[in-house]
Amino acid sequence: MSILLTSHYLEEVQELSDRIVMIRQGRVVADDSTNGILEHTASTVVRVTTLDDRALTLPGVIEARREGDVVALTVRDASTAMKALSLAGVDYSDVDIHKPSLEEAFTQLSAKEQS
């Protein structure tokens, strides 16, 4: 069974849908499962509290930046960052994982379409 749901409230769409077709200005910009769209567009940010600068040069990290005593790691999935931190022997205390939202994915897809 299929239900066609149209909405500008992407948070609700993310919660309710298994498959999503995103249309922007009459053009299909994405057609995939909800997880598929999130995995292929938006990145996860893992923030760890550490003074160890080895956290800034981990393999598999798209971007690493220091914000005081916190290092923010942009990755495709959080497990990659956690494994790299462990293998590098980085000591850290707090971990905060920000998973991408469908709205962030749509913003990235829209930006690609405009460029």
PDB file of N, CA and C in Angstrom:
ATOM      1  N   MET A   1       0.836  -1.163   0.000  1.00  0.00           N
ATOM      2  CA  MET A   1       0.000   0.000   0.000  1.00  0.00           C
ATOM      3  C   MET A   1       0.887   1.234   0.000  1.00  0.00           C
ATOM      4  N   SER A   2       0.484   2.230  -0.737  1.00  0.00           N
ATOM      5  CA  SER A   2       1.204   3.501  -0.797  1.00  0.00           C
ATOM      6  C   SER A   2       0.264   4.640  -0.449  1.00  0.00           C
ATOM      7  N   ILE A   3       0.822   5.627   0.197  1.00  0.00           N
ATOM      8  CA  ILE A   3       0.089   6.851   0.498  1.00  0.00           C
ATOM      9  C   ILE A   3       0.945   8.006   0.003  1.00  0.00           C
ATOM     10  N   LEU A   4       0.350   8.894  -0.765  1.00  0.00           N
ATOM     11  CA  LEU A   4       1.055  10.076  -1.241  1.00  0.00           C
ATOM     12  C   LEU A   4       0.836  11.199  -0.235  1.00  0.00           C
ATOM     13  N   LEU A   5       1.938  11.678   0.332  1.00  0.00           N
ATOM     14  CA  LEU A   5       1.895  12.743   1.328  1.00  0.00           C
ATOM     15  C   LEU A   5       2.706  13.910   0.788  1.00  0.00           C
ATOM     16  N   THR A   6       2.108  15.059   0.678  1.00  0.00           N
ATOM     17  CA  THR A   6       2.855  16.253   0.274  1.00  0.00           C
ATOM     18  C   THR A   6       2.902  17.194   1.466  1.00  0.00           C
ATOM     19  N   SER A   7       4.083  17.742   1.719  1.00  0.00           N
ATOM     20  CA  SER A   7       4.232  18.602   2.884  1.00  0.00           C
ATOM     21  C   SER A   7       5.502  19.425   2.778  1.00  0.00           C
ATOM     22  N   HIS A   8       5.469  20.587   3.378  1.00  0.00           N
ATOM     23  CA  HIS A   8       6.670  21.396   3.543  1.00  0.00           C
ATOM     24  C   HIS A   8       7.282  21.174   4.928  1.00  0.00           C
ATOM     25  N   TYR A   9       6.612  20.385   5.762  1.00  0.00           N
ATOM     26  CA  TYR A   9       7.091  20.097   7.115  1.00  0.00           C
ATOM     27  C   TYR A   9       7.952  18.838   7.070  1.00  0.00           C
ATOM     28  N   LEU A  10       9.236  19.042   6.773  1.00  0.00           N
ATOM     29  CA  LEU A  10      10.122  17.908   6.531  1.00  0.00           C
ATOM     30  C   LEU A  10      10.375  17.070   7.773  1.00  0.00           C
ATOM     31  N   GLU A  11      10.251  17.652   8.959  1.00  0.00           N
ATOM     32  CA  GLU A  11      10.411  16.867  10.185  1.00  0.00           C
ATOM     33  C   GLU A  11       9.320  15.798  10.270  1.00  0.00           C
ATOM     34  N   GLU A  12       8.090  16.165   9.932  1.00  0.00           N
ATOM     35  CA  GLU A  12       6.991  15.193   9.922  1.00  0.00           C
ATOM     36  C   GLU A  12       7.195  14.150   8.828  1.00  0.00           C
ATOM     37  N   VAL A  13       7.626  14.596   7.670  1.00  0.00           N
ATOM     38  CA  VAL A  13       7.872  13.671   6.558  1.00  0.00           C
ATOM     39  C   VAL A  13       8.926  12.643   6.965  1.00  0.00           C
ATOM     40  N   GLN A  14       9.984  13.094   7.625  1.00  0.00           N
ATOM     41  CA  GLN A  14      11.049  12.189   8.059  1.00  0.00           C
ATOM     42  C   GLN A  14      10.511  11.133   9.015  1.00  0.00           C
ATOM     43  N   GLU A  15       9.613  11.516   9.901  1.00  0.00           N
ATOM     44  CA  GLU A  15       9.047  10.578  10.875  1.00  0.00           C
ATOM     45  C   GLU A  15       8.053   9.602  10.252  1.00  0.00           C
ATOM     46  N   LEU A  16       7.312  10.045   9.248  1.00  0.00           N
ATOM     47  CA  LEU A  16       6.202   9.253   8.719  1.00  0.00           C
ATOM     48  C   LEU A  16       6.533   8.412   7.494  1.00  0.00           C
ATOM     49  N   SER A  17       7.617   8.720   6.804  1.00  0.00           N
ATOM     50  CA  SER A  17       7.847   8.119   5.488  1.00  0.00           C
ATOM     51  C   SER A  17       8.968   7.094   5.469  1.00  0.00           C
ATOM     52  N   ASP A  18       8.776   6.080   4.623  1.00  0.00           N
ATOM     53  CA  ASP A  18       9.827   5.102   4.352  1.00  0.00           C
ATOM     54  C   ASP A  18      10.581   5.462   3.076  1.00  0.00           C
ATOM     55  N   ARG A  19       9.876   6.038   2.122  1.00  0.00           N
ATOM     56  CA  ARG A  19      10.448   6.418   0.837  1.00  0.00           C
ATOM     57  C   ARG A  19      10.034   7.853   0.533  1.00  0.00           C
ATOM     58  N   ILE A  20      10.978   8.611  -0.037  1.00  0.00           N
ATOM     59  CA  ILE A  20      10.733  10.030  -0.284  1.00  0.00           C
ATOM     60  C   ILE A  20      11.147  10.395  -1.704  1.00  0.00           C
ATOM     61  N   VAL A  21      10.307  11.170  -2.351  1.00  0.00           N
ATOM     62  CA  VAL A  21      10.653  11.796  -3.623  1.00  0.00           C
ATOM     63  C   VAL A  21      10.633  13.298  -3.368  1.00  0.00           C
ATOM     64  N   MET A  22      11.785  13.944  -3.566  1.00  0.00           N
ATOM     65  CA  MET A  22      11.867  15.393  -3.372  1.00  0.00           C
ATOM     66  C   MET A  22      11.796  16.064  -4.732  1.00  0.00           C
ATOM     67  N   ILE A  23      10.899  17.032  -4.832  1.00  0.00           N
ATOM     68  CA  ILE A  23      10.713  17.771  -6.078  1.00  0.00           C
ATOM     69  C   ILE A  23      10.962  19.242  -5.792  1.00  0.00           C
ATOM     70  N   ARG A  24      11.805  19.842  -6.607  1.00  0.00           N
ATOM     71  CA  ARG A  24      12.099  21.269  -6.461  1.00  0.00           C
ATOM     72  C   ARG A  24      11.903  21.927  -7.816  1.00  0.00           C
ATOM     73  N   GLN A  25      11.032  22.890  -7.876  1.00  0.00           N
ATOM     74  CA  GLN A  25      10.707  23.616  -9.099  1.00  0.00           C
ATOM     75  C   GLN A  25      10.349  22.653 -10.234  1.00  0.00           C
ATOM     76  N   GLY A  26       9.555  21.643  -9.894  1.00  0.00           N
ATOM     77  CA  GLY A  26       9.060  20.699 -10.887  1.00  0.00           C
ATOM     78  C   GLY A  26      10.027  19.611 -11.298  1.00  0.00           C
ATOM     79  N   ARG A  27      11.208  19.560 -10.693  1.00  0.00           N
ATOM     80  CA  ARG A  27      12.212  18.548 -11.035  1.00  0.00           C
ATOM     81  C   ARG A  27      12.469  17.640  -9.842  1.00  0.00           C
ATOM     82  N   VAL A  28      12.582  16.346 -10.106  1.00  0.00           N
ATOM     83  CA  VAL A  28      12.912  15.382  -9.052  1.00  0.00           C
ATOM     84  C   VAL A  28      14.388  15.544  -8.705  1.00  0.00           C
ATOM     85  N   VAL A  29      14.667  15.872  -7.450  1.00  0.00           N
ATOM     86  CA  VAL A  29      16.051  16.026  -7.003  1.00  0.00           C
ATOM     87  C   VAL A  29      16.509  14.840  -6.160  1.00  0.00           C
ATOM     88  N   ALA A  30      15.558  14.030  -5.681  1.00  0.00           N
ATOM     89  CA  ALA A  30      15.907  12.825  -4.921  1.00  0.00           C
ATOM     90  C   ALA A  30      14.728  11.865  -4.935  1.00  0.00           C
ATOM     91  N   ASP A  31      15.051  10.581  -5.030  1.00  0.00           N
ATOM     92  CA  ASP A  31      14.045   9.517  -4.987  1.00  0.00           C
ATOM     93  C   ASP A  31      14.715   8.320  -4.333  1.00  0.00           C
ATOM     94  N   ASP A  32      14.467   8.135  -3.036  1.00  0.00           N
ATOM     95  CA  ASP A  32      15.168   7.091  -2.290  1.00  0.00           C
ATOM     96  C   ASP A  32      14.433   6.860  -0.969  1.00  0.00           C
ATOM     97  N   SER A  33      14.923   5.881  -0.217  1.00  0.00           N
ATOM     98  CA  SER A  33      14.405   5.688   1.138  1.00  0.00           C
ATOM     99  C   SER A  33      14.839   6.884   1.984  1.00  0.00           C
ATOM    100  N   THR A  34      14.165   7.104   3.082  1.00  0.00           N
ATOM    101  CA  THR A  34      14.523   8.208   3.968  1.00  0.00           C
ATOM    102  C   THR A  34      15.982   8.084   4.401  1.00  0.00           C
ATOM    103  N   ASN A  35      16.382   6.894   4.839  1.00  0.00           N
ATOM    104  CA  ASN A  35      17.770   6.678   5.261  1.00  0.00           C
ATOM    105  C   ASN A  35      18.737   6.863   4.108  1.00  0.00           C
ATOM    106  N   GLY A  36      18.350   6.410   2.915  1.00  0.00           N
ATOM    107  CA  GLY A  36      19.206   6.554   1.741  1.00  0.00           C
ATOM    108  C   GLY A  36      19.492   8.007   1.426  1.00  0.00           C
ATOM    109  N   ILE A  37      18.465   8.834   1.479  1.00  0.00           N
ATOM    110  CA  ILE A  37      18.655  10.264   1.223  1.00  0.00           C
ATOM    111  C   ILE A  37      19.583  10.868   2.272  1.00  0.00           C
ATOM    112  N   LEU A  38      19.371  10.522   3.527  1.00  0.00           N
ATOM    113  CA  LEU A  38      20.210  11.076   4.593  1.00  0.00           C
ATOM    114  C   LEU A  38      21.655  10.611   4.476  1.00  0.00           C
ATOM    115  N   GLU A  39      21.862   9.349   4.122  1.00  0.00           N
ATOM    116  CA  GLU A  39      23.220   8.810   4.016  1.00  0.00           C
ATOM    117  C   GLU A  39      23.988   9.405   2.845  1.00  0.00           C
ATOM    118  N   HIS A  40      23.306   9.733   1.760  1.00  0.00           N
ATOM    119  CA  HIS A  40      23.989  10.199   0.554  1.00  0.00           C
ATOM    120  C   HIS A  40      24.113  11.709   0.455  1.00  0.00           C
ATOM    121  N   THR A  41      23.502  12.430   1.351  1.00  0.00           N
ATOM    122  CA  THR A  41      23.570  13.886   1.234  1.00  0.00           C
ATOM    123  C   THR A  41      24.175  14.542   2.464  1.00  0.00           C
ATOM    124  N   ALA A  42      23.510  14.461   3.562  1.00  0.00           N
ATOM    125  CA  ALA A  42      23.932  15.198   4.756  1.00  0.00           C
ATOM    126  C   ALA A  42      24.955  14.401   5.562  1.00  0.00           C
ATOM    127  N   SER A  43      25.771  15.111   6.322  1.00  0.00           N
ATOM    128  CA  SER A  43      26.804  14.493   7.138  1.00  0.00           C
ATOM    129  C   SER A  43      26.439  14.556   8.615  1.00  0.00           C
ATOM    130  N   THR A  44      27.007  13.622   9.364  1.00  0.00           N
ATOM    131  CA  THR A  44      26.844  13.583  10.812  1.00  0.00           C
ATOM    132  C   THR A  44      27.994  14.356  11.446  1.00  0.00           C
ATOM    133  N   VAL A  45      27.716  15.089  12.516  1.00  0.00           N
ATOM    134  CA  VAL A  45      28.771  15.797  13.243  1.00  0.00           C
ATOM    135  C   VAL A  45      28.893  15.169  14.627  1.00  0.00           C
ATOM    136  N   VAL A  46      30.092  14.675  14.921  1.00  0.00           N
ATOM    137  CA  VAL A  46      30.405  14.098  16.227  1.00  0.00           C
ATOM    138  C   VAL A  46      31.283  15.106  16.956  1.00  0.00           C
ATOM    139  N   ARG A  47      30.825  15.552  18.109  1.00  0.00           N
ATOM    140  CA  ARG A  47      31.574  16.514  18.919  1.00  0.00           C
ATOM    141  C   ARG A  47      32.090  15.791  20.164  1.00  0.00           C
ATOM    142  N   VAL A  48      33.416  15.832  20.349  1.00  0.00           N
ATOM    143  CA  VAL A  48      34.026  15.184  21.512  1.00  0.00           C
ATOM    144  C   VAL A  48      34.826  16.218  22.304  1.00  0.00           C
ATOM    145  N   THR A  49      34.759  16.104  23.612  1.00  0.00           N
ATOM    146  CA  THR A  49      35.546  16.977  24.473  1.00  0.00           C
ATOM    147  C   THR A  49      36.908  16.329  24.658  1.00  0.00           C
ATOM    148  N   THR A  50      37.942  16.988  24.121  1.00  0.00           N
ATOM    149  CA  THR A  50      39.307  16.470  24.211  1.00  0.00           C
ATOM    150  C   THR A  50      40.302  17.592  23.937  1.00  0.00           C
ATOM    151  N   LEU A  51      41.454  17.496  24.560  1.00  0.00           N
ATOM    152  CA  LEU A  51      42.548  18.419  24.278  1.00  0.00           C
ATOM    153  C   LEU A  51      43.581  17.769  23.369  1.00  0.00           C
ATOM    154  N   ASP A  52      43.358  16.520  23.013  1.00  0.00           N
ATOM    155  CA  ASP A  52      44.278  15.745  22.181  1.00  0.00           C
ATOM    156  C   ASP A  52      44.113  16.141  20.711  1.00  0.00           C
ATOM    157  N   ASP A  53      45.153  16.764  20.142  1.00  0.00           N
ATOM    158  CA  ASP A  53      45.083  17.226  18.755  1.00  0.00           C
ATOM    159  C   ASP A  53      45.102  16.097  17.728  1.00  0.00           C
ATOM    160  N   ARG A  54      45.366  14.872  18.160  1.00  0.00           N
ATOM    161  CA  ARG A  54      45.275  13.744  17.219  1.00  0.00           C
ATOM    162  C   ARG A  54      43.850  13.579  16.702  1.00  0.00           C
ATOM    163  N   ALA A  55      42.885  14.089  17.446  1.00  0.00           N
ATOM    164  CA  ALA A  55      41.487  14.014  17.012  1.00  0.00           C
ATOM    165  C   ALA A  55      41.242  14.852  15.759  1.00  0.00           C
ATOM    166  N   LEU A  56      42.150  15.765  15.446  1.00  0.00           N
ATOM    167  CA  LEU A  56      41.990  16.635  14.274  1.00  0.00           C
ATOM    168  C   LEU A  56      42.482  15.997  12.982  1.00  0.00           C
ATOM    169  N   THR A  57      43.170  14.859  13.080  1.00  0.00           N
ATOM    170  CA  THR A  57      43.771  14.248  11.884  1.00  0.00           C
ATOM    171  C   THR A  57      43.377  12.784  11.725  1.00  0.00           C
ATOM    172  N   LEU A  58      42.158  12.465  12.028  1.00  0.00           N
ATOM    173  CA  LEU A  58      41.699  11.073  11.969  1.00  0.00           C
ATOM    174  C   LEU A  58      41.317  10.670  10.547  1.00  0.00           C
ATOM    175  N   PRO A  59      41.598   9.419  10.178  1.00  0.00           N
ATOM    176  CA  PRO A  59      41.180   8.945   8.856  1.00  0.00           C
ATOM    177  C   PRO A  59      39.659   8.791   8.782  1.00  0.00           C
ATOM    178  N   GLY A  60      39.114   9.005   7.596  1.00  0.00           N
ATOM    179  CA  GLY A  60      37.683   8.833   7.392  1.00  0.00           C
ATOM    180  C   GLY A  60      36.839  10.018   7.814  1.00  0.00           C
ATOM    181  N   VAL A  61      37.501  11.098   8.218  1.00  0.00           N
ATOM    182  CA  VAL A  61      36.794  12.299   8.667  1.00  0.00           C
ATOM    183  C   VAL A  61      36.765  13.305   7.514  1.00  0.00           C
ATOM    184  N   ILE A  62      35.596  13.830   7.211  1.00  0.00           N
ATOM    185  CA  ILE A  62      35.442  14.801   6.129  1.00  0.00           C
ATOM    186  C   ILE A  62      36.031  16.147   6.530  1.00  0.00           C
ATOM    187  N   GLU A  63      35.730  16.567   7.753  1.00  0.00           N
ATOM    188  CA  GLU A  63      36.243  17.838   8.271  1.00  0.00           C
ATOM    189  C   GLU A  63      36.400  17.716   9.779  1.00  0.00           C
ATOM    190  N   ALA A  64      37.482  18.304  10.300  1.00  0.00           N
ATOM    191  CA  ALA A  64      37.708  18.340  11.751  1.00  0.00           C
ATOM    192  C   ALA A  64      38.062  19.768  12.134  1.00  0.00           C
ATOM    193  N   ARG A  65      37.438  20.263  13.195  1.00  0.00           N
ATOM    194  CA  ARG A  65      37.753  21.614  13.654  1.00  0.00           C
ATOM    195  C   ARG A  65      37.683  21.663  15.183  1.00  0.00           C
ATOM    196  N   ARG A  66      38.563  22.488  15.736  1.00  0.00           N
ATOM    197  CA  ARG A  66      38.590  22.666  17.187  1.00  0.00           C
ATOM    198  C   ARG A  66      37.727  23.855  17.563  1.00  0.00           C
ATOM    199  N   GLU A  67      36.934  23.664  18.612  1.00  0.00           N
ATOM    200  CA  GLU A  67      36.092  24.723  19.176  1.00  0.00           C
ATOM    201  C   GLU A  67      36.353  24.744  20.677  1.00  0.00           C
ATOM    202  N   GLY A  68      37.450  25.369  21.070  1.00  0.00           N
ATOM    203  CA  GLY A  68      37.853  25.369  22.477  1.00  0.00           C
ATOM    204  C   GLY A  68      38.352  23.992  22.870  1.00  0.00           C
ATOM    205  N   ASP A  69      37.724  23.383  23.882  1.00  0.00           N
ATOM    206  CA  ASP A  69      38.144  22.042  24.298  1.00  0.00           C
ATOM    207  C   ASP A  69      37.318  20.949  23.616  1.00  0.00           C
ATOM    208  N   VAL A  70      36.584  21.324  22.576  1.00  0.00           N
ATOM    209  CA  VAL A  70      35.762  20.372  21.822  1.00  0.00           C
ATOM    210  C   VAL A  70      36.290  20.267  20.398  1.00  0.00           C
ATOM    211  N   VAL A  71      36.321  19.042  19.878  1.00  0.00           N
ATOM    212  CA  VAL A  71      36.654  18.813  18.472  1.00  0.00           C
ATOM    213  C   VAL A  71      35.383  18.338  17.779  1.00  0.00           C
ATOM    214  N   ALA A  72      35.029  19.025  16.695  1.00  0.00           N
ATOM    215  CA  ALA A  72      33.855  18.660  15.901  1.00  0.00           C
ATOM    216  C   ALA A  72      34.328  17.908  14.664  1.00  0.00           C
ATOM    217  N   LEU A  73      33.845  16.682  14.512  1.00  0.00           N
ATOM    218  CA  LEU A  73      34.229  15.820  13.395  1.00  0.00           C
ATOM    219  C   LEU A  73      33.032  15.624  12.473  1.00  0.00           C
ATOM    220  N   THR A  74      33.170  16.024  11.223  1.00  0.00           N
ATOM    221  CA  THR A  74      32.122  15.808  10.234  1.00  0.00           C
ATOM    222  C   THR A  74      32.431  14.498   9.525  1.00  0.00           C
ATOM    223  N   VAL A  75      31.484  13.560   9.596  1.00  0.00           N
ATOM    224  CA  VAL A  75      31.684  12.213   9.050  1.00  0.00           C
ATOM    225  C   VAL A  75      30.400  11.740   8.363  1.00  0.00           C
ATOM    226  N   ARG A  76      30.509  10.661   7.619  1.00  0.00           N
ATOM    227  CA  ARG A  76      29.322  10.065   7.005  1.00  0.00           C
ATOM    228  C   ARG A  76      28.493   9.320   8.047  1.00  0.00           C
ATOM    229  N   ASP A  77      29.171   8.653   8.990  1.00  0.00           N
ATOM    230  CA  ASP A  77      28.433   7.995  10.074  1.00  0.00           C
ATOM    231  C   ASP A  77      29.263   8.042  11.350  1.00  0.00           C
ATOM    232  N   ALA A  78      28.584   8.096  12.469  1.00  0.00           N
ATOM    233  CA  ALA A  78      29.230   8.291  13.766  1.00  0.00           C
ATOM    234  C   ALA A  78      30.169   7.149  14.137  1.00  0.00           C
ATOM    235  N   SER A  79      29.844   5.931  13.733  1.00  0.00           N
ATOM    236  CA  SER A  79      30.688   4.792  14.107  1.00  0.00           C
ATOM    237  C   SER A  79      32.092   4.916  13.522  1.00  0.00           C
ATOM    238  N   THR A  80      32.222   5.538  12.353  1.00  0.00           N
ATOM    239  CA  THR A  80      33.537   5.764  11.751  1.00  0.00           C
ATOM    240  C   THR A  80      34.391   6.641  12.659  1.00  0.00           C
ATOM    241  N   ALA A  81      33.815   7.720  13.160  1.00  0.00           N
ATOM    242  CA  ALA A  81      34.550   8.635  14.035  1.00  0.00           C
ATOM    243  C   ALA A  81      34.923   7.964  15.344  1.00  0.00           C
ATOM    244  N   MET A  82      33.987   7.237  15.931  1.00  0.00           N
ATOM    245  CA  MET A  82      34.250   6.598  17.218  1.00  0.00           C
ATOM    246  C   MET A  82      35.354   5.548  17.093  1.00  0.00           C
ATOM    247  N   LYS A  83      35.325   4.788  15.997  1.00  0.00           N
ATOM    248  CA  LYS A  83      36.359   3.771  15.774  1.00  0.00           C
ATOM    249  C   LYS A  83      37.716   4.442  15.565  1.00  0.00           C
ATOM    250  N   ALA A  84      37.759   5.517  14.780  1.00  0.00           N
ATOM    251  CA  ALA A  84      39.016   6.220  14.525  1.00  0.00           C
ATOM    252  C   ALA A  84      39.584   6.824  15.807  1.00  0.00           C
ATOM    253  N   LEU A  85      38.731   7.387  16.656  1.00  0.00           N
ATOM    254  CA  LEU A  85      39.187   7.927  17.941  1.00  0.00           C
ATOM    255  C   LEU A  85      39.818   6.833  18.794  1.00  0.00           C
ATOM    256  N   SER A  86      39.172   5.687  18.829  1.00  0.00           N
ATOM    257  CA  SER A  86      39.664   4.565  19.623  1.00  0.00           C
ATOM    258  C   SER A  86      41.002   4.052  19.092  1.00  0.00           C
ATOM    259  N   LEU A  87      41.080   3.853  17.772  1.00  0.00           N
ATOM    260  CA  LEU A  87      42.317   3.337  17.169  1.00  0.00           C
ATOM    261  C   LEU A  87      43.487   4.304  17.338  1.00  0.00           C
ATOM    262  N   ALA A  88      43.212   5.605  17.351  1.00  0.00           N
ATOM    263  CA  ALA A  88      44.268   6.602  17.523  1.00  0.00           C
ATOM    264  C   ALA A  88      44.648   6.794  18.988  1.00  0.00           C
ATOM    265  N   GLY A  89      43.881   6.189  19.902  1.00  0.00           N
ATOM    266  CA  GLY A  89      44.175   6.314  21.328  1.00  0.00           C
ATOM    267  C   GLY A  89      43.848   7.685  21.897  1.00  0.00           C
ATOM    268  N   VAL A  90      42.893   8.370  21.297  1.00  0.00           N
ATOM    269  CA  VAL A  90      42.511   9.709  21.755  1.00  0.00           C
ATOM    270  C   VAL A  90      41.657   9.593  23.016  1.00  0.00           C
ATOM    271  N   ASP A  91      42.082  10.302  24.075  1.00  0.00           N
ATOM    272  CA  ASP A  91      41.282  10.366  25.301  1.00  0.00           C
ATOM    273  C   ASP A  91      40.251  11.474  25.152  1.00  0.00           C
ATOM    274  N   TYR A  92      39.003  11.162  25.443  1.00  0.00           N
ATOM    275  CA  TYR A  92      37.934  12.155  25.362  1.00  0.00           C
ATOM    276  C   TYR A  92      36.944  11.881  26.481  1.00  0.00           C
ATOM    277  N   SER A  93      36.145  12.897  26.817  1.00  0.00           N
ATOM    278  CA  SER A  93      35.182  12.700  27.901  1.00  0.00           C
ATOM    279  C   SER A  93      33.751  12.692  27.388  1.00  0.00           C
ATOM    280  N   ASP A  94      33.273  13.774  26.836  1.00  0.00           N
ATOM    281  CA  ASP A  94      31.881  13.838  26.396  1.00  0.00           C
ATOM    282  C   ASP A  94      31.770  13.635  24.892  1.00  0.00           C
ATOM    283  N   VAL A  95      30.669  13.027  24.471  1.00  0.00           N
ATOM    284  CA  VAL A  95      30.389  12.817  23.048  1.00  0.00           C
ATOM    285  C   VAL A  95      28.975  13.307  22.761  1.00  0.00           C
ATOM    286  N   ASP A  96      28.844  14.094  21.708  1.00  0.00           N
ATOM    287  CA  ASP A  96      27.531  14.548  21.240  1.00  0.00           C
ATOM    288  C   ASP A  96      27.458  14.241  19.748  1.00  0.00           C
ATOM    289  N   ILE A  97      26.442  13.503  19.346  1.00  0.00           N
ATOM    290  CA  ILE A  97      26.293  13.117  17.942  1.00  0.00           C
ATOM    291  C   ILE A  97      25.070  13.827  17.372  1.00  0.00           C
ATOM    292  N   HIS A  98      25.317  14.627  16.328  1.00  0.00           N
ATOM    293  CA  HIS A  98      24.225  15.328  15.640  1.00  0.00           C
ATOM    294  C   HIS A  98      24.003  14.647  14.294  1.00  0.00           C
ATOM    295  N   LYS A  99      22.897  13.911  14.198  1.00  0.00           N
ATOM    296  CA  LYS A  99      22.556  13.253  12.938  1.00  0.00           C
ATOM    297  C   LYS A  99      21.824  14.247  12.048  1.00  0.00           C
ATOM    298  N   PRO A 100      22.034  14.139  10.752  1.00  0.00           N
ATOM    299  CA  PRO A 100      21.415  15.094   9.840  1.00  0.00           C
ATOM    300  C   PRO A 100      19.903  14.934   9.784  1.00  0.00           C
ATOM    301  N   SER A 101      19.228  16.029   9.521  1.00  0.00           N
ATOM    302  CA  SER A 101      17.774  15.993   9.363  1.00  0.00           C
ATOM    303  C   SER A 101      17.441  15.998   7.875  1.00  0.00           C
ATOM    304  N   LEU A 102      16.223  15.642   7.570  1.00  0.00           N
ATOM    305  CA  LEU A 102      15.759  15.666   6.193  1.00  0.00           C
ATOM    306  C   LEU A 102      15.800  17.094   5.647  1.00  0.00           C
ATOM    307  N   GLU A 103      15.548  18.059   6.497  1.00  0.00           N
ATOM    308  CA  GLU A 103      15.607  19.460   6.067  1.00  0.00           C
ATOM    309  C   GLU A 103      17.023  19.841   5.638  1.00  0.00           C
ATOM    310  N   GLU A 104      18.035  19.385   6.389  1.00  0.00           N
ATOM    311  CA  GLU A 104      19.424  19.652   6.013  1.00  0.00           C
ATOM    312  C   GLU A 104      19.762  18.972   4.690  1.00  0.00           C
ATOM    313  N   ALA A 105      19.277  17.746   4.507  1.00  0.00           N
ATOM    314  CA  ALA A 105      19.507  17.031   3.252  1.00  0.00           C
ATOM    315  C   ALA A 105      18.860  17.773   2.089  1.00  0.00           C
ATOM    316  N   PHE A 106      17.631  18.234   2.271  1.00  0.00           N
ATOM    317  CA  PHE A 106      16.929  18.963   1.218  1.00  0.00           C
ATOM    318  C   PHE A 106      17.671  20.253   0.874  1.00  0.00           C
ATOM    319  N   THR A 107      18.188  20.941   1.885  1.00  0.00           N
ATOM    320  CA  THR A 107      18.945  22.169   1.651  1.00  0.00           C
ATOM    321  C   THR A 107      20.179  21.880   0.808  1.00  0.00           C
ATOM    322  N   GLN A 108      20.885  20.795   1.118  1.00  0.00           N
ATOM    323  CA  GLN A 108      22.067  20.423   0.339  1.00  0.00           C
ATOM    324  C   GLN A 108      21.693  20.045  -1.087  1.00  0.00           C
ATOM    325  N   LEU A 109      20.631  19.277  -1.250  1.00  0.00           N
ATOM    326  CA  LEU A 109      20.187  18.888  -2.590  1.00  0.00           C
ATOM    327  C   LEU A 109      19.767  20.110  -3.400  1.00  0.00           C
ATOM    328  N   SER A 110      19.097  21.043  -2.772  1.00  0.00           N
ATOM    329  CA  SER A 110      18.666  22.265  -3.455  1.00  0.00           C
ATOM    330  C   SER A 110      19.868  23.093  -3.890  1.00  0.00           C
ATOM    331  N   ALA A 111      20.880  23.167  -3.033  1.00  0.00           N
ATOM    332  CA  ALA A 111      22.089  23.922  -3.366  1.00  0.00           C
ATOM    333  C   ALA A 111      22.805  23.293  -4.556  1.00  0.00           C
ATOM    334  N   LYS A 112      22.845  21.962  -4.618  1.00  0.00           N
ATOM    335  CA  LYS A 112      23.469  21.278  -5.756  1.00  0.00           C
ATOM    336  C   LYS A 112      22.725  21.579  -7.046  1.00  0.00           C
ATOM    337  N   GLU A 113      21.408  21.621  -6.975  1.00  0.00           N
ATOM    338  CA  GLU A 113      20.589  21.903  -8.155  1.00  0.00           C
ATOM    339  C   GLU A 113      20.819  23.327  -8.663  1.00  0.00           C
ATOM    340  N   GLN A 114      21.071  24.262  -7.761  1.00  0.00           N
ATOM    341  CA  GLN A 114      21.252  25.656  -8.157  1.00  0.00           C
ATOM    342  C   GLN A 114      22.624  25.914  -8.746  1.00  0.00           C
ATOM    343  N   SER A 115      23.604  25.095  -8.391  1.00  0.00           N
ATOM    344  CA  SER A 115      24.972  25.332  -8.884  1.00  0.00           C
ATOM    345  C   SER A 115      25.229  24.673 -10.214  1.00  0.00           C
TER     346      SER A 115
END
